Amino acid sequence: MPIYELDGRTPSIDSTAFVHPDAVLIGDVRIGKRASIWPSAVLRGDSSYISVGDETSIQDGTIIHCQTTNPTIIGSRCVIGHNTHLEGCVVEDKCLIGSGSTVLEEVLVKTGALVAAQSLVPPGKIIPSNALAMGVPVKIRENAVAENIFEEGVQHYLHLCDLYKRTLRKIN
C-alpha cells in the first residue's frame, strides 16, 4: 500500500487496522484499532493531521484532507460512505456520512448524526447529535436518527476488516 512520509511526518496505523493496498496515506495520518481504509481512499495529512477512530470504516474512493488550522478528526465506530470528501472537519463517534457527501472546514458532526448521501455540509455548520442532514446545502432535521442505527454497518465493516486481513491475496 502506498504509505508516504512527508516532511518527517509518517502515518501511524494500529496493527489491528486494515488498510487496503490501493489506499494512499500521506503524512500525519492516525488510524485507530480495527479501523478500515478501503480501495482508492486517499488520506493526505500534509497541512496538519487526520485522525480516524477505532472501528471506523473509510470506504472506497473517499478523500480526506486537513487544513493548517483545521485537522480532520473522525471518531470511533463511524461509517464514512463511498466517494465522500472530508476537509478540516470533526465527525464525532457513531456517525454515518453517506456516499458522495462533502463535509467542509470547521463543520462539527455530533455523535449519532447522519449526513445523507450526496449532501453538502458548508463550512462552519454544526449537525446536532442524532440529526439528519440532507441536501445541497444540507437542511437539518433534529432527533431524526435513532440511537445505534448504524450498528449493523459498523459490524459489517468490522467483519470485512477481519476477513480482508486474513484472506486478501493479490493473484497477478
N, C-alpha and C. Protein backbone atom coordinates (compact mmCIF):
# COMPACT_ATOMS: atom_id res chain seq x y z
N MET A 1 0.84 -1.18 0.00
CA MET A 1 0.00 0.00 0.00
C MET A 1 0.88 1.23 0.00
N PRO A 2 0.51 2.25 -0.72
CA PRO A 2 1.31 3.47 -0.74
C PRO A 2 1.14 4.26 0.57
N ILE A 3 2.17 4.23 1.39
CA ILE A 3 2.20 4.99 2.63
C ILE A 3 3.44 5.86 2.56
N TYR A 4 3.24 7.17 2.71
CA TYR A 4 4.32 8.11 2.48
C TYR A 4 4.61 8.95 3.71
N GLU A 5 5.90 9.11 3.99
CA GLU A 5 6.35 10.11 4.95
C GLU A 5 6.41 11.44 4.21
N LEU A 6 6.08 12.52 4.90
CA LEU A 6 6.16 13.85 4.31
C LEU A 6 6.71 14.80 5.36
N ASP A 7 7.83 15.41 5.07
CA ASP A 7 8.45 16.39 5.95
C ASP A 7 8.61 15.83 7.38
N GLY A 8 8.99 14.57 7.46
CA GLY A 8 9.23 13.92 8.74
C GLY A 8 7.98 13.39 9.43
N ARG A 9 6.82 13.57 8.81
CA ARG A 9 5.55 13.08 9.39
C ARG A 9 5.17 11.78 8.70
N THR A 10 4.93 10.75 9.50
CA THR A 10 4.66 9.42 8.98
C THR A 10 3.31 8.91 9.49
N PRO A 11 2.52 8.26 8.64
CA PRO A 11 1.27 7.68 9.12
C PRO A 11 1.50 6.69 10.27
N SER A 12 0.55 6.67 11.18
CA SER A 12 0.55 5.75 12.31
C SER A 12 -0.70 4.87 12.18
N ILE A 13 -0.48 3.56 12.01
CA ILE A 13 -1.58 2.64 11.74
C ILE A 13 -1.57 1.57 12.82
N ASP A 14 -2.66 1.46 13.57
CA ASP A 14 -2.75 0.42 14.58
C ASP A 14 -2.62 -0.95 13.91
N SER A 15 -1.97 -1.88 14.58
CA SER A 15 -1.72 -3.20 13.99
C SER A 15 -3.01 -3.98 13.72
N THR A 16 -4.11 -3.61 14.37
CA THR A 16 -5.37 -4.33 14.15
C THR A 16 -6.20 -3.71 13.03
N ALA A 17 -5.77 -2.58 12.50
CA ALA A 17 -6.50 -1.91 11.41
C ALA A 17 -6.22 -2.61 10.09
N PHE A 18 -7.09 -2.36 9.12
CA PHE A 18 -6.88 -2.86 7.76
C PHE A 18 -6.82 -1.66 6.83
N VAL A 19 -5.71 -1.55 6.09
CA VAL A 19 -5.57 -0.54 5.04
C VAL A 19 -5.38 -1.29 3.73
N HIS A 20 -6.32 -1.13 2.82
CA HIS A 20 -6.26 -1.82 1.53
C HIS A 20 -5.00 -1.40 0.78
N PRO A 21 -4.38 -2.31 0.05
CA PRO A 21 -3.16 -1.98 -0.70
C PRO A 21 -3.32 -0.84 -1.70
N ASP A 22 -4.54 -0.56 -2.14
CA ASP A 22 -4.75 0.52 -3.10
C ASP A 22 -5.18 1.84 -2.46
N ALA A 23 -5.19 1.92 -1.14
CA ALA A 23 -5.43 3.19 -0.45
C ALA A 23 -4.11 3.94 -0.35
N VAL A 24 -4.18 5.26 -0.18
CA VAL A 24 -2.98 6.09 -0.09
C VAL A 24 -3.04 6.89 1.21
N LEU A 25 -1.97 6.79 2.01
CA LEU A 25 -1.85 7.56 3.24
C LEU A 25 -0.57 8.38 3.16
N ILE A 26 -0.70 9.70 3.41
CA ILE A 26 0.44 10.60 3.30
C ILE A 26 0.53 11.46 4.56
N GLY A 27 1.71 11.50 5.16
CA GLY A 27 1.97 12.42 6.26
C GLY A 27 1.36 12.01 7.58
N ASP A 28 0.83 12.98 8.31
CA ASP A 28 0.33 12.77 9.67
C ASP A 28 -1.10 12.24 9.62
N VAL A 29 -1.20 10.94 9.47
CA VAL A 29 -2.48 10.23 9.42
C VAL A 29 -2.45 9.19 10.52
N ARG A 30 -3.48 9.20 11.37
CA ARG A 30 -3.53 8.30 12.52
C ARG A 30 -4.75 7.39 12.39
N ILE A 31 -4.48 6.08 12.33
CA ILE A 31 -5.55 5.10 12.11
C ILE A 31 -5.71 4.26 13.38
N GLY A 32 -6.93 4.23 13.92
CA GLY A 32 -7.21 3.55 15.18
C GLY A 32 -7.42 2.06 15.05
N LYS A 33 -7.69 1.44 16.19
CA LYS A 33 -7.88 -0.01 16.30
C LYS A 33 -9.07 -0.47 15.46
N ARG A 34 -8.84 -1.53 14.69
CA ARG A 34 -9.85 -2.19 13.86
C ARG A 34 -10.55 -1.23 12.89
N ALA A 35 -9.92 -0.12 12.60
CA ALA A 35 -10.44 0.78 11.56
C ALA A 35 -10.12 0.14 10.21
N SER A 36 -10.86 0.54 9.19
CA SER A 36 -10.60 0.01 7.85
C SER A 36 -10.61 1.14 6.84
N ILE A 37 -9.62 1.07 5.94
CA ILE A 37 -9.45 2.05 4.87
C ILE A 37 -9.50 1.27 3.56
N TRP A 38 -10.45 1.58 2.71
CA TRP A 38 -10.77 0.75 1.55
C TRP A 38 -10.15 1.28 0.27
N PRO A 39 -10.27 0.51 -0.86
CA PRO A 39 -9.57 0.86 -2.11
C PRO A 39 -9.85 2.29 -2.57
N SER A 40 -8.81 2.91 -3.08
CA SER A 40 -8.84 4.24 -3.68
C SER A 40 -9.14 5.36 -2.70
N ALA A 41 -9.18 5.07 -1.42
CA ALA A 41 -9.28 6.15 -0.43
C ALA A 41 -7.93 6.86 -0.37
N VAL A 42 -7.98 8.18 -0.22
CA VAL A 42 -6.76 8.98 -0.10
C VAL A 42 -6.89 9.81 1.17
N LEU A 43 -5.93 9.64 2.08
CA LEU A 43 -5.88 10.40 3.32
C LEU A 43 -4.57 11.17 3.31
N ARG A 44 -4.68 12.50 3.17
CA ARG A 44 -3.49 13.33 2.97
C ARG A 44 -3.34 14.30 4.14
N GLY A 45 -2.48 13.90 5.08
CA GLY A 45 -2.21 14.69 6.27
C GLY A 45 -0.98 15.54 6.10
N ASP A 46 -1.08 16.55 5.26
CA ASP A 46 0.09 17.37 4.96
C ASP A 46 0.08 18.73 5.67
N SER A 47 -1.07 19.34 5.86
CA SER A 47 -1.15 20.67 6.46
C SER A 47 -1.24 20.63 7.98
N SER A 48 -1.97 19.65 8.51
CA SER A 48 -2.00 19.37 9.94
C SER A 48 -2.12 17.85 10.07
N TYR A 49 -3.22 17.34 10.62
CA TYR A 49 -3.30 15.88 10.75
C TYR A 49 -4.72 15.38 10.50
N ILE A 50 -4.78 14.06 10.28
CA ILE A 50 -6.04 13.33 10.12
C ILE A 50 -6.04 12.23 11.16
N SER A 51 -7.16 12.11 11.88
CA SER A 51 -7.30 11.04 12.86
C SER A 51 -8.57 10.25 12.55
N VAL A 52 -8.42 8.92 12.45
CA VAL A 52 -9.54 8.02 12.21
C VAL A 52 -9.67 7.14 13.45
N GLY A 53 -10.83 7.20 14.10
CA GLY A 53 -11.04 6.50 15.36
C GLY A 53 -11.18 4.99 15.21
N ASP A 54 -11.24 4.34 16.35
CA ASP A 54 -11.36 2.89 16.41
C ASP A 54 -12.65 2.42 15.73
N GLU A 55 -12.53 1.32 15.00
CA GLU A 55 -13.67 0.62 14.39
C GLU A 55 -14.46 1.48 13.41
N THR A 56 -13.79 2.46 12.81
CA THR A 56 -14.40 3.31 11.79
C THR A 56 -14.00 2.80 10.41
N SER A 57 -14.95 2.83 9.47
CA SER A 57 -14.63 2.44 8.09
C SER A 57 -14.62 3.68 7.20
N ILE A 58 -13.55 3.76 6.40
CA ILE A 58 -13.40 4.82 5.39
C ILE A 58 -13.51 4.09 4.06
N GLN A 59 -14.64 4.24 3.39
CA GLN A 59 -14.94 3.39 2.25
C GLN A 59 -14.32 3.90 0.95
N ASP A 60 -14.45 3.07 -0.06
CA ASP A 60 -13.81 3.23 -1.36
C ASP A 60 -13.97 4.64 -1.94
N GLY A 61 -12.85 5.19 -2.42
CA GLY A 61 -12.88 6.45 -3.14
C GLY A 61 -12.99 7.69 -2.28
N THR A 62 -12.97 7.54 -0.99
CA THR A 62 -13.10 8.70 -0.10
C THR A 62 -11.82 9.52 -0.10
N ILE A 63 -11.98 10.84 -0.05
CA ILE A 63 -10.84 11.75 0.04
C ILE A 63 -10.95 12.49 1.36
N ILE A 64 -9.88 12.39 2.15
CA ILE A 64 -9.83 13.10 3.42
C ILE A 64 -8.58 13.96 3.41
N HIS A 65 -8.78 15.26 3.68
CA HIS A 65 -7.68 16.20 3.73
C HIS A 65 -7.84 17.03 5.00
N CYS A 66 -6.83 17.80 5.34
CA CYS A 66 -6.86 18.66 6.50
C CYS A 66 -6.40 20.04 6.08
N GLN A 67 -6.54 20.99 6.97
CA GLN A 67 -6.08 22.35 6.70
C GLN A 67 -5.11 22.75 7.81
N THR A 68 -4.33 23.78 7.57
CA THR A 68 -3.32 24.20 8.53
C THR A 68 -3.93 24.42 9.92
N THR A 69 -5.07 25.06 9.97
CA THR A 69 -5.70 25.35 11.26
C THR A 69 -6.82 24.38 11.61
N ASN A 70 -7.13 23.45 10.72
CA ASN A 70 -8.24 22.53 10.94
C ASN A 70 -7.85 21.10 10.59
N PRO A 71 -7.47 20.30 11.61
CA PRO A 71 -7.26 18.89 11.33
C PRO A 71 -8.62 18.25 10.98
N THR A 72 -8.59 17.08 10.40
CA THR A 72 -9.81 16.31 10.18
C THR A 72 -9.81 15.18 11.18
N ILE A 73 -10.83 15.17 12.03
CA ILE A 73 -10.92 14.21 13.12
C ILE A 73 -12.21 13.43 12.96
N ILE A 74 -12.08 12.11 12.86
CA ILE A 74 -13.24 11.23 12.72
C ILE A 74 -13.24 10.31 13.93
N GLY A 75 -14.35 10.25 14.62
CA GLY A 75 -14.45 9.48 15.85
C GLY A 75 -14.49 7.99 15.63
N SER A 76 -14.85 7.29 16.67
CA SER A 76 -14.91 5.83 16.66
C SER A 76 -16.29 5.35 16.21
N ARG A 77 -16.28 4.16 15.59
CA ARG A 77 -17.50 3.45 15.16
C ARG A 77 -18.33 4.28 14.18
N CYS A 78 -17.63 4.99 13.29
CA CYS A 78 -18.30 5.76 12.23
C CYS A 78 -18.27 4.96 10.93
N VAL A 79 -19.22 5.24 10.08
CA VAL A 79 -19.26 4.69 8.73
C VAL A 79 -19.17 5.87 7.78
N ILE A 80 -18.06 5.93 7.04
CA ILE A 80 -17.83 7.01 6.08
C ILE A 80 -18.02 6.39 4.69
N GLY A 81 -19.11 6.76 4.03
CA GLY A 81 -19.52 6.12 2.79
C GLY A 81 -18.60 6.35 1.62
N HIS A 82 -18.85 5.59 0.56
CA HIS A 82 -18.06 5.65 -0.66
C HIS A 82 -18.04 7.06 -1.25
N ASN A 83 -16.87 7.43 -1.78
CA ASN A 83 -16.71 8.69 -2.52
C ASN A 83 -17.08 9.94 -1.73
N THR A 84 -16.84 9.94 -0.44
CA THR A 84 -17.07 11.15 0.33
C THR A 84 -15.83 12.03 0.30
N HIS A 85 -16.02 13.29 0.69
CA HIS A 85 -14.91 14.23 0.81
C HIS A 85 -15.04 14.91 2.17
N LEU A 86 -14.04 14.73 3.01
CA LEU A 86 -14.00 15.37 4.32
C LEU A 86 -12.79 16.29 4.35
N GLU A 87 -12.99 17.53 4.79
CA GLU A 87 -11.92 18.55 4.70
C GLU A 87 -11.95 19.44 5.93
N GLY A 88 -11.00 19.24 6.86
CA GLY A 88 -10.87 20.13 8.01
C GLY A 88 -12.08 20.18 8.91
N CYS A 89 -12.70 19.02 9.14
CA CYS A 89 -13.93 18.94 9.93
C CYS A 89 -13.76 17.96 11.08
N VAL A 90 -14.76 17.92 11.97
CA VAL A 90 -14.79 16.95 13.06
C VAL A 90 -16.08 16.16 12.95
N VAL A 91 -15.94 14.84 12.94
CA VAL A 91 -17.07 13.92 12.95
C VAL A 91 -16.94 13.13 14.25
N GLU A 92 -17.89 13.31 15.15
CA GLU A 92 -17.81 12.62 16.43
C GLU A 92 -18.16 11.14 16.26
N ASP A 93 -18.22 10.41 17.36
CA ASP A 93 -18.46 8.97 17.36
C ASP A 93 -19.84 8.60 16.80
N LYS A 94 -19.90 7.38 16.24
CA LYS A 94 -21.15 6.72 15.85
C LYS A 94 -21.96 7.52 14.84
N CYS A 95 -21.27 8.13 13.87
CA CYS A 95 -21.94 8.89 12.81
C CYS A 95 -21.87 8.12 11.50
N LEU A 96 -22.77 8.45 10.60
CA LEU A 96 -22.72 7.94 9.24
C LEU A 96 -22.67 9.14 8.30
N ILE A 97 -21.66 9.13 7.44
CA ILE A 97 -21.55 10.14 6.39
C ILE A 97 -21.83 9.41 5.08
N GLY A 98 -22.95 9.73 4.45
CA GLY A 98 -23.43 8.99 3.30
C GLY A 98 -22.56 9.15 2.06
N SER A 99 -22.66 8.18 1.19
CA SER A 99 -21.86 8.13 -0.04
C SER A 99 -22.01 9.42 -0.84
N GLY A 100 -20.86 9.90 -1.35
CA GLY A 100 -20.86 11.06 -2.21
C GLY A 100 -21.04 12.40 -1.51
N SER A 101 -21.05 12.40 -0.18
CA SER A 101 -21.23 13.65 0.56
C SER A 101 -19.93 14.43 0.65
N THR A 102 -20.07 15.73 0.88
CA THR A 102 -18.93 16.62 1.11
C THR A 102 -19.16 17.33 2.43
N VAL A 103 -18.17 17.24 3.31
CA VAL A 103 -18.23 17.88 4.63
C VAL A 103 -17.00 18.78 4.72
N LEU A 104 -17.22 20.10 4.80
CA LEU A 104 -16.15 21.07 4.64
C LEU A 104 -15.62 21.60 5.98
N GLU A 105 -14.70 22.56 5.88
CA GLU A 105 -13.93 23.03 7.03
C GLU A 105 -14.82 23.61 8.13
N GLU A 106 -14.34 23.34 9.35
CA GLU A 106 -14.95 23.82 10.58
C GLU A 106 -16.36 23.31 10.79
N VAL A 107 -16.73 22.23 10.14
CA VAL A 107 -18.00 21.57 10.40
C VAL A 107 -17.82 20.66 11.60
N LEU A 108 -18.86 20.58 12.43
CA LEU A 108 -18.91 19.64 13.54
C LEU A 108 -20.14 18.76 13.36
N VAL A 109 -19.90 17.46 13.15
CA VAL A 109 -20.99 16.49 13.06
C VAL A 109 -21.00 15.77 14.41
N LYS A 110 -22.05 16.00 15.19
CA LYS A 110 -22.09 15.49 16.56
C LYS A 110 -22.52 14.02 16.60
N THR A 111 -22.25 13.39 17.71
CA THR A 111 -22.46 11.95 17.92
C THR A 111 -23.84 11.49 17.42
N GLY A 112 -23.81 10.40 16.64
CA GLY A 112 -25.03 9.76 16.19
C GLY A 112 -25.74 10.42 15.03
N ALA A 113 -25.14 11.45 14.44
CA ALA A 113 -25.77 12.15 13.33
C ALA A 113 -25.57 11.41 12.02
N LEU A 114 -26.43 11.72 11.06
CA LEU A 114 -26.36 11.13 9.73
C LEU A 114 -26.35 12.25 8.69
N VAL A 115 -25.32 12.25 7.85
CA VAL A 115 -25.28 13.14 6.69
C VAL A 115 -25.68 12.26 5.50
N ALA A 116 -26.81 12.57 4.89
CA ALA A 116 -27.36 11.73 3.82
C ALA A 116 -26.46 11.75 2.58
N ALA A 117 -26.60 10.71 1.79
CA ALA A 117 -25.82 10.57 0.55
C ALA A 117 -25.99 11.81 -0.32
N GLN A 118 -24.87 12.19 -0.98
CA GLN A 118 -24.82 13.31 -1.93
C GLN A 118 -25.12 14.67 -1.30
N SER A 119 -24.97 14.79 0.00
CA SER A 119 -25.23 16.06 0.67
C SER A 119 -23.98 16.93 0.73
N LEU A 120 -24.18 18.23 0.89
CA LEU A 120 -23.10 19.20 1.05
C LEU A 120 -23.30 19.91 2.39
N VAL A 121 -22.29 19.74 3.27
CA VAL A 121 -22.30 20.45 4.55
C VAL A 121 -21.33 21.61 4.42
N PRO A 122 -21.84 22.85 4.33
CA PRO A 122 -20.97 24.01 4.11
C PRO A 122 -20.13 24.35 5.33
N PRO A 123 -19.08 25.16 5.13
CA PRO A 123 -18.17 25.50 6.23
C PRO A 123 -18.90 26.03 7.47
N GLY A 124 -18.41 25.57 8.63
CA GLY A 124 -18.87 26.09 9.91
C GLY A 124 -20.18 25.55 10.44
N LYS A 125 -20.84 24.68 9.70
CA LYS A 125 -22.14 24.15 10.10
C LYS A 125 -21.98 23.17 11.27
N ILE A 126 -22.95 23.14 12.16
CA ILE A 126 -22.99 22.15 13.24
C ILE A 126 -24.20 21.26 13.01
N ILE A 127 -23.95 19.96 12.94
CA ILE A 127 -25.02 18.97 12.81
C ILE A 127 -25.24 18.39 14.20
N PRO A 128 -26.39 18.63 14.82
CA PRO A 128 -26.61 18.16 16.20
C PRO A 128 -26.61 16.63 16.30
N SER A 129 -26.41 16.14 17.51
CA SER A 129 -26.48 14.70 17.77
C SER A 129 -27.83 14.15 17.30
N ASN A 130 -27.77 12.98 16.70
CA ASN A 130 -28.96 12.25 16.24
C ASN A 130 -29.81 13.02 15.23
N ALA A 131 -29.19 13.97 14.53
CA ALA A 131 -29.90 14.72 13.49
C ALA A 131 -29.63 14.11 12.12
N LEU A 132 -30.53 14.37 11.21
CA LEU A 132 -30.38 14.01 9.80
C LEU A 132 -30.09 15.30 9.05
N ALA A 133 -28.97 15.32 8.33
CA ALA A 133 -28.60 16.46 7.48
C ALA A 133 -28.67 15.98 6.04
N MET A 134 -29.48 16.68 5.24
CA MET A 134 -29.72 16.18 3.89
C MET A 134 -29.89 17.35 2.93
N GLY A 135 -29.27 17.22 1.74
CA GLY A 135 -29.48 18.21 0.69
C GLY A 135 -28.22 18.97 0.35
N VAL A 136 -28.39 19.90 -0.62
CA VAL A 136 -27.28 20.72 -1.12
C VAL A 136 -27.77 22.17 -1.14
N PRO A 137 -27.38 22.99 -0.14
CA PRO A 137 -26.71 22.61 1.09
C PRO A 137 -27.68 21.88 2.02
N VAL A 138 -27.14 21.31 3.08
CA VAL A 138 -27.97 20.49 3.96
C VAL A 138 -29.03 21.30 4.69
N LYS A 139 -30.15 20.64 4.88
CA LYS A 139 -31.18 21.09 5.82
C LYS A 139 -31.17 20.05 6.93
N ILE A 140 -31.44 20.48 8.14
CA ILE A 140 -31.28 19.61 9.30
C ILE A 140 -32.63 19.29 9.91
N ARG A 141 -32.83 17.99 10.16
CA ARG A 141 -33.99 17.52 10.93
C ARG A 141 -33.46 16.96 12.24
N GLU A 142 -33.72 17.65 13.32
CA GLU A 142 -33.21 17.21 14.62
C GLU A 142 -33.98 16.00 15.13
N ASN A 143 -33.28 15.19 15.91
CA ASN A 143 -33.84 13.98 16.54
C ASN A 143 -34.50 13.03 15.54
N ALA A 144 -33.93 12.95 14.35
CA ALA A 144 -34.49 12.10 13.30
C ALA A 144 -33.77 10.76 13.19
N VAL A 145 -32.69 10.56 13.95
CA VAL A 145 -31.88 9.35 13.83
C VAL A 145 -31.91 8.61 15.17
N ALA A 146 -32.34 7.36 15.13
CA ALA A 146 -32.41 6.54 16.35
C ALA A 146 -31.01 6.18 16.84
N GLU A 147 -30.87 6.02 18.14
CA GLU A 147 -29.60 5.60 18.74
C GLU A 147 -29.16 4.27 18.13
N ASN A 148 -27.87 4.14 17.87
CA ASN A 148 -27.24 2.91 17.39
C ASN A 148 -27.81 2.39 16.07
N ILE A 149 -28.41 3.25 15.28
CA ILE A 149 -28.99 2.84 14.00
C ILE A 149 -27.93 2.34 13.02
N PHE A 150 -26.67 2.76 13.21
CA PHE A 150 -25.61 2.40 12.29
C PHE A 150 -24.84 1.16 12.73
N GLU A 151 -25.27 0.53 13.80
CA GLU A 151 -24.53 -0.60 14.37
C GLU A 151 -24.35 -1.74 13.36
N GLU A 152 -25.35 -2.02 12.56
CA GLU A 152 -25.23 -3.09 11.57
C GLU A 152 -24.12 -2.78 10.56
N GLY A 153 -24.05 -1.53 10.12
CA GLY A 153 -22.99 -1.12 9.20
C GLY A 153 -21.61 -1.21 9.82
N VAL A 154 -21.51 -0.79 11.08
CA VAL A 154 -20.23 -0.90 11.80
C VAL A 154 -19.82 -2.36 11.88
N GLN A 155 -20.73 -3.23 12.29
CA GLN A 155 -20.42 -4.65 12.42
C GLN A 155 -20.04 -5.27 11.08
N HIS A 156 -20.73 -4.87 10.02
CA HIS A 156 -20.42 -5.39 8.69
C HIS A 156 -18.98 -5.06 8.30
N TYR A 157 -18.57 -3.81 8.54
CA TYR A 157 -17.20 -3.44 8.17
C TYR A 157 -16.16 -4.00 9.12
N LEU A 158 -16.51 -4.27 10.36
CA LEU A 158 -15.58 -4.97 11.25
C LEU A 158 -15.35 -6.40 10.76
N HIS A 159 -16.43 -7.04 10.31
CA HIS A 159 -16.31 -8.39 9.73
C HIS A 159 -15.42 -8.35 8.49
N LEU A 160 -15.67 -7.37 7.59
CA LEU A 160 -14.86 -7.26 6.38
C LEU A 160 -13.40 -6.96 6.71
N CYS A 161 -13.17 -6.13 7.70
CA CYS A 161 -11.80 -5.81 8.13
C CYS A 161 -11.06 -7.10 8.49
N ASP A 162 -11.69 -7.92 9.31
CA ASP A 162 -11.07 -9.19 9.72
C ASP A 162 -10.89 -10.14 8.54
N LEU A 163 -11.92 -10.25 7.70
CA LEU A 163 -11.85 -11.13 6.53
C LEU A 163 -10.72 -10.73 5.60
N TYR A 164 -10.63 -9.46 5.28
CA TYR A 164 -9.59 -8.98 4.36
C TYR A 164 -8.21 -9.15 4.96
N LYS A 165 -8.06 -8.87 6.25
CA LYS A 165 -6.74 -9.04 6.87
C LYS A 165 -6.28 -10.50 6.79
N ARG A 166 -7.22 -11.43 6.91
CA ARG A 166 -6.89 -12.85 6.91
C ARG A 166 -6.73 -13.43 5.51
N THR A 167 -7.52 -12.96 4.52
CA THR A 167 -7.61 -13.73 3.28
C THR A 167 -7.28 -12.99 1.99
N LEU A 168 -7.14 -11.65 2.02
CA LEU A 168 -6.86 -10.92 0.78
C LEU A 168 -5.48 -11.28 0.25
N ARG A 169 -5.42 -11.72 -0.99
CA ARG A 169 -4.16 -12.07 -1.65
C ARG A 169 -4.19 -11.56 -3.08
N LYS A 170 -3.17 -10.85 -3.48
CA LYS A 170 -3.03 -10.42 -4.87
C LYS A 170 -2.63 -11.63 -5.70
N ILE A 171 -3.29 -11.83 -6.86
CA ILE A 171 -3.02 -13.04 -7.65
C ILE A 171 -2.35 -12.76 -8.99
N ASN A 172 -1.99 -11.55 -9.28
CA ASN A 172 -1.28 -11.31 -10.54
C ASN A 172 -0.06 -10.46 -10.33
